């Protein structure tokens, strides 16, 4: 291989690595910011806008039921797991060397953080307006089962992309 072709291959490889790192960085920032918002927003809203929280909580309690909770949790799971799959995806490499991919040391924590983020969002929604009280056992049961399914989906996503 001549020097210009070798340099072009190295540049292409560096661009692929940079794309992978940018993808992981952006996804990690999304999870971090989302976790902060999901964790703090219900508490801050309860202190600064109790009437708005009471209205939202009554809307959730009156209009939502177990099937809606399950549907929303499933939709959020599928969307975020799809985003995780795009982060882990290996694109075809133009160079003869294999395309870069995340090692298990980086892929598994991303999957666990994805699972934790979705679970935190729904625990926050279930606690909306109810400081320290359970909302309904049906909603909690559905969120628990959906959380376990979400974790199983995260494990499957990472295992598939690391194979």
N, C-alpha and C. Protein backbone atom coordinates (compact mmCIF):
# COMPACT_ATOMS: atom_id res chain seq x y z
N UNK A 1 0.86 -1.17 0.00
CA UNK A 1 0.00 0.00 0.00
C UNK A 1 0.90 1.23 0.00
N UNK A 2 0.63 2.16 -0.87
CA UNK A 2 1.46 3.36 -0.93
C UNK A 2 1.07 4.34 0.18
N UNK A 3 1.91 5.34 0.39
CA UNK A 3 1.74 6.27 1.50
C UNK A 3 0.45 7.08 1.41
N UNK A 4 0.06 7.64 0.25
CA UNK A 4 -1.18 8.41 0.21
C UNK A 4 -2.41 7.55 0.53
N UNK A 5 -2.44 6.33 0.03
CA UNK A 5 -3.59 5.45 0.31
C UNK A 5 -3.62 5.08 1.79
N UNK A 6 -2.45 4.85 2.38
CA UNK A 6 -2.37 4.53 3.80
C UNK A 6 -2.82 5.71 4.66
N UNK A 7 -2.44 6.90 4.27
CA UNK A 7 -2.85 8.09 5.02
C UNK A 7 -4.35 8.31 4.90
N UNK A 8 -4.90 8.06 3.72
CA UNK A 8 -6.35 8.22 3.53
C UNK A 8 -7.11 7.20 4.37
N UNK A 9 -6.58 5.98 4.45
CA UNK A 9 -7.22 4.94 5.26
C UNK A 9 -7.17 5.31 6.74
N UNK A 10 -6.04 5.85 7.18
CA UNK A 10 -5.92 6.27 8.58
C UNK A 10 -6.87 7.42 8.88
N UNK A 11 -7.02 8.35 7.96
CA UNK A 11 -7.96 9.46 8.15
C UNK A 11 -9.40 8.95 8.21
N UNK A 12 -9.73 8.01 7.35
CA UNK A 12 -11.08 7.44 7.36
C UNK A 12 -11.34 6.72 8.68
N UNK A 13 -10.35 5.99 9.14
CA UNK A 13 -10.48 5.26 10.42
C UNK A 13 -10.64 6.26 11.57
N UNK A 14 -9.87 7.33 11.56
CA UNK A 14 -9.97 8.36 12.61
C UNK A 14 -11.35 9.02 12.58
N UNK A 15 -11.89 9.23 11.38
CA UNK A 15 -13.23 9.82 11.27
C UNK A 15 -14.29 8.87 11.82
N UNK A 16 -14.13 7.57 11.58
CA UNK A 16 -15.07 6.58 12.12
C UNK A 16 -15.02 6.55 13.65
N UNK A 17 -13.82 6.59 14.19
CA UNK A 17 -13.66 6.59 15.65
C UNK A 17 -14.27 7.86 16.24
N UNK A 18 -14.05 8.98 15.59
CA UNK A 18 -14.62 10.25 16.07
C UNK A 18 -16.14 10.22 16.02
N UNK A 19 -16.71 9.63 14.96
CA UNK A 19 -18.16 9.50 14.86
C UNK A 19 -18.71 8.65 16.01
N UNK A 20 -18.04 7.55 16.30
CA UNK A 20 -18.47 6.68 17.39
C UNK A 20 -18.39 7.41 18.73
N UNK A 21 -17.29 8.10 18.97
CA UNK A 21 -17.14 8.84 20.23
C UNK A 21 -18.16 9.95 20.36
N UNK A 22 -18.44 10.65 19.27
CA UNK A 22 -19.45 11.72 19.30
C UNK A 22 -20.83 11.14 19.57
N UNK A 23 -21.12 10.00 18.99
CA UNK A 23 -22.40 9.36 19.21
C UNK A 23 -22.57 8.96 20.68
N UNK A 24 -21.55 8.38 21.27
CA UNK A 24 -21.60 7.98 22.68
C UNK A 24 -21.70 9.22 23.57
N UNK A 25 -20.94 10.25 23.25
CA UNK A 25 -20.98 11.47 24.05
C UNK A 25 -22.37 12.11 24.01
N UNK A 26 -22.95 12.23 22.84
CA UNK A 26 -24.28 12.83 22.72
C UNK A 26 -25.34 12.00 23.45
N UNK A 27 -25.26 10.70 23.34
CA UNK A 27 -26.22 9.82 24.03
C UNK A 27 -26.05 9.93 25.54
N UNK A 28 -24.81 9.98 26.01
CA UNK A 28 -24.55 10.11 27.45
C UNK A 28 -25.08 11.44 27.98
N UNK A 29 -24.91 12.50 27.21
CA UNK A 29 -25.43 13.81 27.62
C UNK A 29 -26.96 13.77 27.67
N UNK A 30 -27.58 13.14 26.67
CA UNK A 30 -29.03 12.99 26.68
C UNK A 30 -29.50 12.27 27.94
N UNK A 31 -28.84 11.18 28.29
CA UNK A 31 -29.22 10.44 29.50
C UNK A 31 -28.99 11.27 30.76
N UNK A 32 -27.88 11.97 30.82
CA UNK A 32 -27.55 12.77 32.01
C UNK A 32 -28.57 13.89 32.21
N UNK A 33 -28.80 14.66 31.16
CA UNK A 33 -29.74 15.78 31.26
C UNK A 33 -31.15 15.27 31.53
N UNK A 34 -31.54 14.21 30.83
CA UNK A 34 -32.85 13.63 31.05
C UNK A 34 -33.03 13.12 32.47
N UNK A 35 -32.00 12.52 33.03
CA UNK A 35 -32.07 12.03 34.41
C UNK A 35 -32.21 13.18 35.39
N UNK A 36 -31.46 14.24 35.16
CA UNK A 36 -31.58 15.40 36.05
C UNK A 36 -32.97 16.02 35.98
N UNK A 37 -33.50 16.16 34.78
CA UNK A 37 -34.84 16.73 34.63
C UNK A 37 -35.88 15.81 35.25
N UNK A 38 -35.79 14.51 34.96
CA UNK A 38 -36.78 13.56 35.49
C UNK A 38 -36.71 13.45 37.01
N UNK A 39 -35.52 13.59 37.55
CA UNK A 39 -35.37 13.48 39.00
C UNK A 39 -35.75 14.74 39.75
N UNK A 40 -35.46 15.89 39.17
CA UNK A 40 -35.69 17.15 39.88
C UNK A 40 -37.00 17.84 39.55
N UNK A 41 -37.48 17.70 38.33
CA UNK A 41 -38.66 18.45 37.90
C UNK A 41 -39.89 18.22 38.79
N UNK A 42 -40.24 16.98 39.14
CA UNK A 42 -41.42 16.82 39.99
C UNK A 42 -41.28 17.49 41.36
N UNK A 43 -40.08 17.45 41.93
CA UNK A 43 -39.86 18.07 43.24
C UNK A 43 -39.92 19.59 43.16
N UNK A 44 -39.27 20.13 42.14
CA UNK A 44 -39.25 21.59 41.97
C UNK A 44 -40.66 22.08 41.65
N UNK A 45 -41.35 21.38 40.78
CA UNK A 45 -42.70 21.78 40.41
C UNK A 45 -43.64 21.75 41.61
N UNK A 46 -43.48 20.76 42.46
CA UNK A 46 -44.34 20.63 43.63
C UNK A 46 -44.16 21.81 44.58
N UNK A 47 -42.94 22.31 44.70
CA UNK A 47 -42.67 23.43 45.60
C UNK A 47 -43.05 24.78 44.99
N UNK A 48 -42.85 24.95 43.68
CA UNK A 48 -43.04 26.26 43.06
C UNK A 48 -44.38 26.44 42.35
N UNK A 49 -45.04 25.36 42.00
CA UNK A 49 -46.33 25.47 41.32
C UNK A 49 -47.26 24.37 41.80
N UNK A 50 -47.63 24.40 43.08
CA UNK A 50 -48.43 23.30 43.62
C UNK A 50 -49.79 23.15 42.94
N UNK A 51 -50.39 24.25 42.52
CA UNK A 51 -51.68 24.15 41.84
C UNK A 51 -51.56 23.45 40.49
N UNK A 52 -50.54 23.80 39.74
CA UNK A 52 -50.33 23.16 38.44
C UNK A 52 -50.05 21.67 38.61
N UNK A 53 -49.26 21.33 39.63
CA UNK A 53 -48.96 19.92 39.89
C UNK A 53 -50.22 19.18 40.32
N UNK A 54 -51.06 19.82 41.14
CA UNK A 54 -52.30 19.18 41.57
C UNK A 54 -53.21 18.92 40.38
N UNK A 55 -53.29 19.88 39.46
CA UNK A 55 -54.11 19.68 38.26
C UNK A 55 -53.55 18.55 37.39
N UNK A 56 -52.23 18.56 37.21
CA UNK A 56 -51.60 17.51 36.40
C UNK A 56 -51.79 16.15 37.06
N UNK A 57 -51.64 16.10 38.38
CA UNK A 57 -51.80 14.83 39.09
C UNK A 57 -53.24 14.33 38.99
N UNK A 58 -54.20 15.24 39.08
CA UNK A 58 -55.60 14.79 38.96
C UNK A 58 -55.89 14.35 37.54
N UNK A 59 -55.28 15.00 36.55
CA UNK A 59 -55.45 14.58 35.17
C UNK A 59 -54.89 13.17 34.96
N UNK A 60 -53.67 12.96 35.50
CA UNK A 60 -53.05 11.64 35.38
C UNK A 60 -53.89 10.60 36.11
N UNK A 61 -54.36 10.92 37.31
CA UNK A 61 -55.13 9.96 38.09
C UNK A 61 -56.48 9.69 37.45
N UNK A 62 -57.13 10.73 36.91
CA UNK A 62 -58.46 10.55 36.34
C UNK A 62 -58.42 9.96 34.93
N UNK A 63 -57.45 10.39 34.14
CA UNK A 63 -57.46 10.00 32.74
C UNK A 63 -56.61 8.80 32.39
N UNK A 64 -55.61 8.52 33.19
CA UNK A 64 -54.70 7.42 32.87
C UNK A 64 -55.10 6.19 33.67
N UNK A 65 -54.88 5.05 33.07
CA UNK A 65 -55.10 3.81 33.77
C UNK A 65 -53.92 2.89 33.50
N UNK A 66 -54.01 1.67 33.92
CA UNK A 66 -52.88 0.75 33.81
C UNK A 66 -52.48 0.53 32.35
N UNK A 67 -53.44 0.43 31.46
CA UNK A 67 -53.09 0.18 30.06
C UNK A 67 -52.36 1.36 29.44
N UNK A 68 -52.74 2.59 29.82
CA UNK A 68 -52.04 3.77 29.30
C UNK A 68 -50.63 3.83 29.87
N UNK A 69 -50.50 3.52 31.16
CA UNK A 69 -49.17 3.49 31.78
C UNK A 69 -48.27 2.50 31.05
N UNK A 70 -48.80 1.32 30.78
CA UNK A 70 -48.01 0.30 30.08
C UNK A 70 -47.66 0.74 28.66
N UNK A 71 -48.60 1.35 27.97
CA UNK A 71 -48.36 1.79 26.59
C UNK A 71 -47.30 2.88 26.54
N UNK A 72 -47.38 3.85 27.44
CA UNK A 72 -46.39 4.93 27.46
C UNK A 72 -45.01 4.40 27.82
N UNK A 73 -44.97 3.51 28.80
CA UNK A 73 -43.69 2.93 29.21
C UNK A 73 -43.09 2.12 28.05
N UNK A 74 -43.91 1.35 27.35
CA UNK A 74 -43.43 0.56 26.22
C UNK A 74 -42.93 1.45 25.09
N UNK A 75 -43.65 2.52 24.80
CA UNK A 75 -43.23 3.43 23.73
C UNK A 75 -41.90 4.10 24.07
N UNK A 76 -41.76 4.56 25.31
CA UNK A 76 -40.50 5.19 25.73
C UNK A 76 -39.36 4.18 25.69
N UNK A 77 -39.64 2.96 26.08
CA UNK A 77 -38.61 1.91 26.05
C UNK A 77 -38.15 1.65 24.63
N UNK A 78 -39.08 1.49 23.72
CA UNK A 78 -38.72 1.20 22.33
C UNK A 78 -37.94 2.37 21.72
N UNK A 79 -38.37 3.59 21.97
CA UNK A 79 -37.67 4.75 21.42
C UNK A 79 -36.24 4.85 21.94
N UNK A 80 -36.08 4.73 23.25
CA UNK A 80 -34.73 4.87 23.81
C UNK A 80 -33.85 3.67 23.49
N UNK A 81 -34.42 2.48 23.43
CA UNK A 81 -33.62 1.32 23.05
C UNK A 81 -33.20 1.41 21.58
N UNK A 82 -34.05 2.00 20.75
CA UNK A 82 -33.66 2.24 19.36
C UNK A 82 -32.50 3.21 19.26
N UNK A 83 -32.55 4.22 20.10
CA UNK A 83 -31.44 5.20 20.13
C UNK A 83 -30.16 4.52 20.61
N UNK A 84 -30.27 3.66 21.63
CA UNK A 84 -29.10 2.91 22.11
C UNK A 84 -28.55 2.02 21.00
N UNK A 85 -29.43 1.37 20.25
CA UNK A 85 -28.98 0.50 19.15
C UNK A 85 -28.24 1.30 18.09
N UNK A 86 -28.71 2.53 17.80
CA UNK A 86 -28.01 3.37 16.82
C UNK A 86 -26.63 3.77 17.33
N UNK A 87 -26.51 3.99 18.63
CA UNK A 87 -25.20 4.34 19.19
C UNK A 87 -24.24 3.15 19.08
N UNK A 88 -24.75 1.96 19.33
CA UNK A 88 -23.90 0.76 19.32
C UNK A 88 -23.64 0.22 17.92
N UNK A 89 -24.40 0.67 16.94
CA UNK A 89 -24.34 0.10 15.60
C UNK A 89 -22.96 0.26 14.97
N UNK A 90 -22.54 -0.79 14.27
CA UNK A 90 -21.27 -0.75 13.53
C UNK A 90 -21.59 -0.47 12.07
N UNK A 91 -21.01 0.58 11.56
CA UNK A 91 -21.22 0.91 10.15
C UNK A 91 -20.12 0.25 9.33
N UNK A 92 -20.40 -0.06 8.09
CA UNK A 92 -19.37 -0.67 7.25
C UNK A 92 -18.17 0.27 7.10
N UNK A 93 -17.02 -0.31 7.21
CA UNK A 93 -15.79 0.47 7.15
C UNK A 93 -15.28 0.53 5.72
N UNK A 94 -14.89 1.74 5.24
CA UNK A 94 -14.33 1.82 3.89
C UNK A 94 -12.91 1.24 3.84
N UNK A 95 -12.27 1.16 4.99
CA UNK A 95 -10.91 0.62 5.02
C UNK A 95 -10.98 -0.89 5.24
N UNK A 96 -9.88 -1.59 4.95
CA UNK A 96 -9.88 -3.05 5.15
C UNK A 96 -9.96 -3.43 6.64
N UNK A 97 -9.57 -2.52 7.51
CA UNK A 97 -9.63 -2.81 8.95
C UNK A 97 -11.09 -2.83 9.41
N UNK A 98 -11.41 -3.62 10.42
CA UNK A 98 -12.80 -3.64 10.89
C UNK A 98 -13.20 -2.28 11.46
N UNK A 99 -14.49 -1.97 11.35
CA UNK A 99 -14.97 -0.68 11.84
C UNK A 99 -14.90 -0.66 13.37
N UNK A 100 -14.71 0.53 13.94
CA UNK A 100 -14.61 0.61 15.41
C UNK A 100 -15.95 0.30 16.06
N UNK A 101 -15.89 -0.24 17.25
CA UNK A 101 -17.10 -0.50 18.02
C UNK A 101 -16.78 -0.37 19.49
N UNK A 102 -17.82 -0.22 20.28
CA UNK A 102 -17.64 -0.08 21.71
C UNK A 102 -17.27 -1.42 22.34
N UNK A 103 -16.44 -1.36 23.34
CA UNK A 103 -16.11 -2.57 24.08
C UNK A 103 -17.21 -2.81 25.11
N UNK A 104 -17.28 -4.02 25.65
CA UNK A 104 -18.29 -4.29 26.69
C UNK A 104 -18.18 -3.35 27.88
N UNK A 105 -16.97 -2.90 28.17
CA UNK A 105 -16.75 -2.00 29.30
C UNK A 105 -17.52 -0.69 29.14
N UNK A 106 -17.77 -0.27 27.91
CA UNK A 106 -18.52 0.96 27.66
C UNK A 106 -19.98 0.69 27.28
N UNK A 107 -20.23 -0.42 26.61
CA UNK A 107 -21.59 -0.70 26.13
C UNK A 107 -22.54 -1.06 27.26
N UNK A 108 -22.10 -1.89 28.20
CA UNK A 108 -23.00 -2.32 29.28
C UNK A 108 -23.43 -1.18 30.19
N UNK A 109 -22.53 -0.29 30.60
CA UNK A 109 -23.01 0.85 31.40
C UNK A 109 -24.01 1.74 30.67
N UNK A 110 -23.86 1.89 29.36
CA UNK A 110 -24.86 2.65 28.59
C UNK A 110 -26.22 1.98 28.66
N UNK A 111 -26.24 0.66 28.57
CA UNK A 111 -27.50 -0.07 28.64
C UNK A 111 -28.14 0.06 30.02
N UNK A 112 -27.34 -0.04 31.07
CA UNK A 112 -27.86 0.08 32.43
C UNK A 112 -28.38 1.50 32.68
N UNK A 113 -27.65 2.50 32.19
CA UNK A 113 -28.11 3.89 32.35
C UNK A 113 -29.41 4.13 31.58
N UNK A 114 -29.54 3.53 30.41
CA UNK A 114 -30.79 3.65 29.64
C UNK A 114 -31.95 3.06 30.43
N UNK A 115 -31.75 1.88 30.96
CA UNK A 115 -32.79 1.23 31.76
C UNK A 115 -33.13 2.08 32.99
N UNK A 116 -32.12 2.56 33.70
CA UNK A 116 -32.35 3.38 34.89
C UNK A 116 -33.07 4.69 34.56
N UNK A 117 -32.72 5.29 33.44
CA UNK A 117 -33.36 6.55 33.05
C UNK A 117 -34.84 6.36 32.81
N UNK A 118 -35.21 5.36 32.03
CA UNK A 118 -36.63 5.14 31.74
C UNK A 118 -37.38 4.80 33.02
N UNK A 119 -36.78 3.99 33.88
CA UNK A 119 -37.43 3.65 35.15
C UNK A 119 -37.61 4.89 36.02
N UNK A 120 -36.61 5.76 36.07
CA UNK A 120 -36.70 6.98 36.87
C UNK A 120 -37.80 7.91 36.35
N UNK A 121 -37.94 8.01 35.05
CA UNK A 121 -38.98 8.85 34.48
C UNK A 121 -40.35 8.38 34.95
N UNK A 122 -40.59 7.10 34.92
CA UNK A 122 -41.90 6.62 35.31
C UNK A 122 -42.13 6.61 36.80
N UNK A 123 -41.10 6.43 37.59
CA UNK A 123 -41.26 6.58 39.03
C UNK A 123 -41.60 8.04 39.34
N UNK A 124 -40.96 8.98 38.64
CA UNK A 124 -41.29 10.39 38.81
C UNK A 124 -42.72 10.70 38.42
N UNK A 125 -43.18 10.11 37.32
CA UNK A 125 -44.56 10.33 36.90
C UNK A 125 -45.55 9.72 37.89
N UNK A 126 -45.23 8.57 38.43
CA UNK A 126 -46.13 7.93 39.39
C UNK A 126 -46.18 8.70 40.70
N UNK A 127 -45.11 9.41 41.03
CA UNK A 127 -45.07 10.20 42.27
C UNK A 127 -45.54 11.62 42.07
N UNK A 128 -45.91 12.02 40.87
CA UNK A 128 -46.25 13.40 40.58
C UNK A 128 -47.37 13.88 41.50
N UNK A 129 -47.06 14.87 42.30
CA UNK A 129 -48.04 15.46 43.19
C UNK A 129 -48.29 14.67 44.45
N UNK A 130 -47.63 13.57 44.63
CA UNK A 130 -47.84 12.71 45.80
C UNK A 130 -46.52 12.59 46.55
N UNK A 131 -46.25 13.50 47.41
CA UNK A 131 -44.98 13.48 48.11
C UNK A 131 -44.93 12.30 49.08
N UNK A 132 -44.20 11.26 48.70
CA UNK A 132 -43.98 10.11 49.56
C UNK A 132 -45.12 9.11 49.60
N UNK A 133 -46.10 9.19 48.71
CA UNK A 133 -47.22 8.25 48.72
C UNK A 133 -47.24 7.44 47.43
N UNK A 134 -47.66 6.21 47.55
CA UNK A 134 -47.86 5.40 46.36
C UNK A 134 -49.13 5.85 45.66
N UNK A 135 -49.14 5.80 44.35
CA UNK A 135 -50.32 6.20 43.60
C UNK A 135 -51.31 5.05 43.54
N UNK A 136 -51.00 4.04 42.81
CA UNK A 136 -51.87 2.88 42.70
C UNK A 136 -51.01 1.65 42.50
N UNK A 137 -51.37 0.56 43.13
CA UNK A 137 -50.54 -0.63 43.03
C UNK A 137 -50.52 -1.18 41.61
N UNK A 138 -51.59 -1.00 40.87
CA UNK A 138 -51.62 -1.47 39.49
C UNK A 138 -50.58 -0.77 38.63
N UNK A 139 -50.50 0.56 38.78
CA UNK A 139 -49.49 1.30 38.02
C UNK A 139 -48.08 0.89 38.40
N UNK A 140 -47.85 0.70 39.68
CA UNK A 140 -46.52 0.27 40.13
C UNK A 140 -46.18 -1.11 39.61
N UNK A 141 -47.16 -2.01 39.60
CA UNK A 141 -46.90 -3.36 39.09
C UNK A 141 -46.57 -3.32 37.61
N UNK A 142 -47.33 -2.54 36.85
CA UNK A 142 -47.06 -2.43 35.42
C UNK A 142 -45.69 -1.79 35.18
N UNK A 143 -45.37 -0.75 35.93
CA UNK A 143 -44.06 -0.11 35.77
C UNK A 143 -42.94 -1.08 36.12
N UNK A 144 -43.14 -1.91 37.13
CA UNK A 144 -42.13 -2.90 37.51
C UNK A 144 -41.92 -3.95 36.44
N UNK A 145 -43.01 -4.47 35.91
CA UNK A 145 -42.91 -5.47 34.84
C UNK A 145 -42.29 -4.84 33.60
N UNK A 146 -42.73 -3.64 33.26
CA UNK A 146 -42.17 -2.96 32.09
C UNK A 146 -40.70 -2.63 32.29
N UNK A 147 -40.31 -2.31 33.52
CA UNK A 147 -38.91 -2.04 33.82
C UNK A 147 -38.07 -3.30 33.62
N UNK A 148 -38.58 -4.43 34.05
CA UNK A 148 -37.87 -5.69 33.84
C UNK A 148 -37.78 -6.01 32.35
N UNK A 149 -38.85 -5.76 31.60
CA UNK A 149 -38.83 -5.97 30.16
C UNK A 149 -37.84 -5.02 29.49
N UNK A 150 -37.78 -3.78 29.98
CA UNK A 150 -36.85 -2.79 29.45
C UNK A 150 -35.41 -3.25 29.69
N UNK A 151 -35.13 -3.77 30.89
CA UNK A 151 -33.79 -4.26 31.18
C UNK A 151 -33.45 -5.44 30.28
N UNK A 152 -34.41 -6.34 30.07
CA UNK A 152 -34.17 -7.48 29.18
C UNK A 152 -33.89 -7.00 27.75
N UNK A 153 -34.62 -5.97 27.32
CA UNK A 153 -34.42 -5.44 25.98
C UNK A 153 -33.03 -4.78 25.87
N UNK A 154 -32.60 -4.08 26.92
CA UNK A 154 -31.28 -3.46 26.91
C UNK A 154 -30.18 -4.53 26.83
N UNK A 155 -30.36 -5.59 27.59
CA UNK A 155 -29.38 -6.70 27.55
C UNK A 155 -29.34 -7.30 26.16
N UNK A 156 -30.48 -7.52 25.55
CA UNK A 156 -30.55 -8.09 24.21
C UNK A 156 -29.90 -7.16 23.20
N UNK A 157 -30.15 -5.86 23.30
CA UNK A 157 -29.57 -4.89 22.37
C UNK A 157 -28.06 -4.90 22.43
N UNK A 158 -27.52 -4.85 23.65
CA UNK A 158 -26.06 -4.83 23.80
C UNK A 158 -25.46 -6.15 23.38
N UNK A 159 -26.06 -7.27 23.78
CA UNK A 159 -25.53 -8.57 23.41
C UNK A 159 -25.50 -8.74 21.87
N UNK A 160 -26.55 -8.27 21.20
CA UNK A 160 -26.60 -8.38 19.76
C UNK A 160 -25.51 -7.54 19.09
N UNK A 161 -25.24 -6.36 19.63
CA UNK A 161 -24.25 -5.49 18.99
C UNK A 161 -22.80 -5.84 19.37
N UNK A 162 -22.64 -6.58 20.45
CA UNK A 162 -21.29 -6.99 20.81
C UNK A 162 -20.91 -8.33 20.19
N UNK A 163 -21.89 -9.05 19.65
CA UNK A 163 -21.62 -10.37 19.07
C UNK A 163 -20.83 -10.27 17.79
